[in-house]
């Protein structure tokens, strides 16, 4: 079973030296989302300092296989509108 490493970055990079054995890249994608969600839930205040938090997943060879980033802004994303009736 392949081993994946879940590194995080929010201003500072935190390296995952242990990793986790998972069945596939799809399983690593699911875990990356879960890791990001947990970090935002428990360390949410530090998220606002940099307004971005990333989980970078590498394989046993150190190659990046997944990168997921949550970001924040004081403005709505380009093209976003509230549907009529919900305003």
C-alpha atoms as a PDB file:
ATOM      1  CA  UNK A   1       0.000   0.000   0.000  1.00  0.00           C
ATOM      2  CA  UNK A   2       1.450   3.415  -0.928  1.00  0.00           C
ATOM      3  CA  UNK A   3       2.520   5.847   1.783  1.00  0.00           C
ATOM      4  CA  UNK A   4       1.455   9.486   1.560  1.00  0.00           C
ATOM      5  CA  UNK A   5       2.777  12.436   3.556  1.00  0.00           C
ATOM      6  CA  UNK A   6       0.513  15.347   4.532  1.00  0.00           C
ATOM      7  CA  UNK A   7       2.551  18.543   4.880  1.00  0.00           C
ATOM      8  CA  UNK A   8       0.861  21.781   5.926  1.00  0.00           C
ATOM      9  CA  UNK A   9       1.591  25.418   5.264  1.00  0.00           C
ATOM     10  CA  UNK A  10       0.173  28.542   6.884  1.00  0.00           C
ATOM     11  CA  UNK A  11       3.087  30.942   6.760  1.00  0.00           C
ATOM     12  CA  UNK A  12       5.349  28.155   8.079  1.00  0.00           C
ATOM     13  CA  UNK A  13       5.711  24.731   6.515  1.00  0.00           C
ATOM     14  CA  UNK A  14       5.134  21.757   8.816  1.00  0.00           C
ATOM     15  CA  UNK A  15       6.632  18.583   7.404  1.00  0.00           C
ATOM     16  CA  UNK A  16       4.938  15.210   7.911  1.00  0.00           C
ATOM     17  CA  UNK A  17       7.745  12.717   8.492  1.00  0.00           C
ATOM     18  CA  UNK A  18       5.500   9.768   9.385  1.00  0.00           C
ATOM     19  CA  UNK A  19       2.991   9.639   6.563  1.00  0.00           C
ATOM     20  CA  UNK A  20       0.041   7.312   6.210  1.00  0.00           C
ATOM     21  CA  UNK A  21      -0.507   4.158   4.200  1.00  0.00           C
ATOM     22  CA  UNK A  22      -3.550   4.555   1.968  1.00  0.00           C
ATOM     23  CA  UNK A  23      -5.024   2.481  -0.854  1.00  0.00           C
ATOM     24  CA  UNK A  24      -4.890   5.113  -3.578  1.00  0.00           C
ATOM     25  CA  UNK A  25      -4.501   8.736  -4.594  1.00  0.00           C
ATOM     26  CA  UNK A  26      -8.295   9.048  -4.254  1.00  0.00           C
ATOM     27  CA  UNK A  27      -8.027   7.985  -0.605  1.00  0.00           C
ATOM     28  CA  UNK A  28      -5.225  10.533  -0.142  1.00  0.00           C
ATOM     29  CA  UNK A  29      -7.467  13.246  -1.643  1.00  0.00           C
ATOM     30  CA  UNK A  30     -10.195  12.435   0.862  1.00  0.00           C
ATOM     31  CA  UNK A  31      -7.679  12.495   3.709  1.00  0.00           C
ATOM     32  CA  UNK A  32      -6.248  15.829   2.530  1.00  0.00           C
ATOM     33  CA  UNK A  33      -9.701  17.422   2.694  1.00  0.00           C
ATOM     34  CA  UNK A  34     -10.247  15.943   6.172  1.00  0.00           C
ATOM     35  CA  UNK A  35      -6.852  17.202   7.367  1.00  0.00           C
ATOM     36  CA  UNK A  36      -7.516  20.701   6.027  1.00  0.00           C
ATOM     37  CA  UNK A  37     -10.949  20.748   7.656  1.00  0.00           C
ATOM     38  CA  UNK A  38      -9.570  19.666  11.030  1.00  0.00           C
ATOM     39  CA  UNK A  39      -6.812  22.248  10.930  1.00  0.00           C
ATOM     40  CA  UNK A  40      -9.215  25.043  10.055  1.00  0.00           C
ATOM     41  CA  UNK A  41     -11.573  23.907  12.798  1.00  0.00           C
ATOM     42  CA  UNK A  42      -8.983  23.791  15.565  1.00  0.00           C
ATOM     43  CA  UNK A  43      -6.524  26.469  14.443  1.00  0.00           C
ATOM     44  CA  UNK A  44      -8.945  28.813  12.741  1.00  0.00           C
ATOM     45  CA  UNK A  45      -7.645  31.987  14.367  1.00  0.00           C
ATOM     46  CA  UNK A  46      -4.186  31.577  12.782  1.00  0.00           C
ATOM     47  CA  UNK A  47      -5.855  31.127   9.386  1.00  0.00           C
ATOM     48  CA  UNK A  48      -6.764  34.835   9.383  1.00  0.00           C
ATOM     49  CA  UNK A  49      -3.145  35.902   9.814  1.00  0.00           C
ATOM     50  CA  UNK A  50      -2.101  34.580   6.397  1.00  0.00           C
ATOM     51  CA  UNK A  51      -5.587  34.061   4.890  1.00  0.00           C
ATOM     52  CA  UNK A  52      -4.438  30.827   3.310  1.00  0.00           C
ATOM     53  CA  UNK A  53      -3.827  27.319   4.556  1.00  0.00           C
ATOM     54  CA  UNK A  54      -2.539  24.476   2.419  1.00  0.00           C
ATOM     55  CA  UNK A  55      -2.140  20.734   2.669  1.00  0.00           C
ATOM     56  CA  UNK A  56       0.455  19.370   0.272  1.00  0.00           C
ATOM     57  CA  UNK A  57       0.497  15.601  -0.163  1.00  0.00           C
ATOM     58  CA  UNK A  58       3.618  13.860  -1.386  1.00  0.00           C
ATOM     59  CA  UNK A  59       4.331  10.228  -2.161  1.00  0.00           C
ATOM     60  CA  UNK A  60       7.222   8.145  -0.809  1.00  0.00           C
ATOM     61  CA  UNK A  61       9.496   9.596  -3.530  1.00  0.00           C
ATOM     62  CA  UNK A  62       8.737  13.169  -2.398  1.00  0.00           C
ATOM     63  CA  UNK A  63       6.669  13.957  -5.498  1.00  0.00           C
ATOM     64  CA  UNK A  64       3.622  16.182  -4.948  1.00  0.00           C
ATOM     65  CA  UNK A  65       0.443  14.276  -5.792  1.00  0.00           C
ATOM     66  CA  UNK A  66      -2.157  16.617  -4.273  1.00  0.00           C
ATOM     67  CA  UNK A  67      -2.291  20.218  -3.127  1.00  0.00           C
ATOM     68  CA  UNK A  68      -5.362  21.759  -1.538  1.00  0.00           C
ATOM     69  CA  UNK A  69      -5.640  25.339  -0.286  1.00  0.00           C
ATOM     70  CA  UNK A  70      -8.313  27.232   1.609  1.00  0.00           C
ATOM     71  CA  UNK A  71      -8.112  30.997   1.203  1.00  0.00           C
ATOM     72  CA  UNK A  72      -9.967  33.995   2.565  1.00  0.00           C
ATOM     73  CA  UNK A  73     -10.749  37.463   1.302  1.00  0.00           C
ATOM     74  CA  UNK A  74     -12.750  40.483   2.370  1.00  0.00           C
ATOM     75  CA  UNK A  75     -14.494  40.476  -1.008  1.00  0.00           C
ATOM     76  CA  UNK A  76     -16.664  37.982  -2.856  1.00  0.00           C
ATOM     77  CA  UNK A  77     -15.090  35.827  -5.564  1.00  0.00           C
ATOM     78  CA  UNK A  78     -15.259  37.212  -9.090  1.00  0.00           C
ATOM     79  CA  UNK A  79     -18.556  36.363 -10.734  1.00  0.00           C
ATOM     80  CA  UNK A  80     -20.353  35.484  -7.488  1.00  0.00           C
ATOM     81  CA  UNK A  81     -23.951  36.651  -7.129  1.00  0.00           C
ATOM     82  CA  UNK A  82     -26.653  35.799  -4.648  1.00  0.00           C
ATOM     83  CA  UNK A  83     -29.593  34.102  -6.403  1.00  0.00           C
ATOM     84  CA  UNK A  84     -32.793  36.137  -6.603  1.00  0.00           C
ATOM     85  CA  UNK A  85     -35.105  35.578  -3.687  1.00  0.00           C
ATOM     86  CA  UNK A  86     -32.228  34.906  -1.283  1.00  0.00           C
ATOM     87  CA  UNK A  87     -31.147  38.535  -0.992  1.00  0.00           C
END
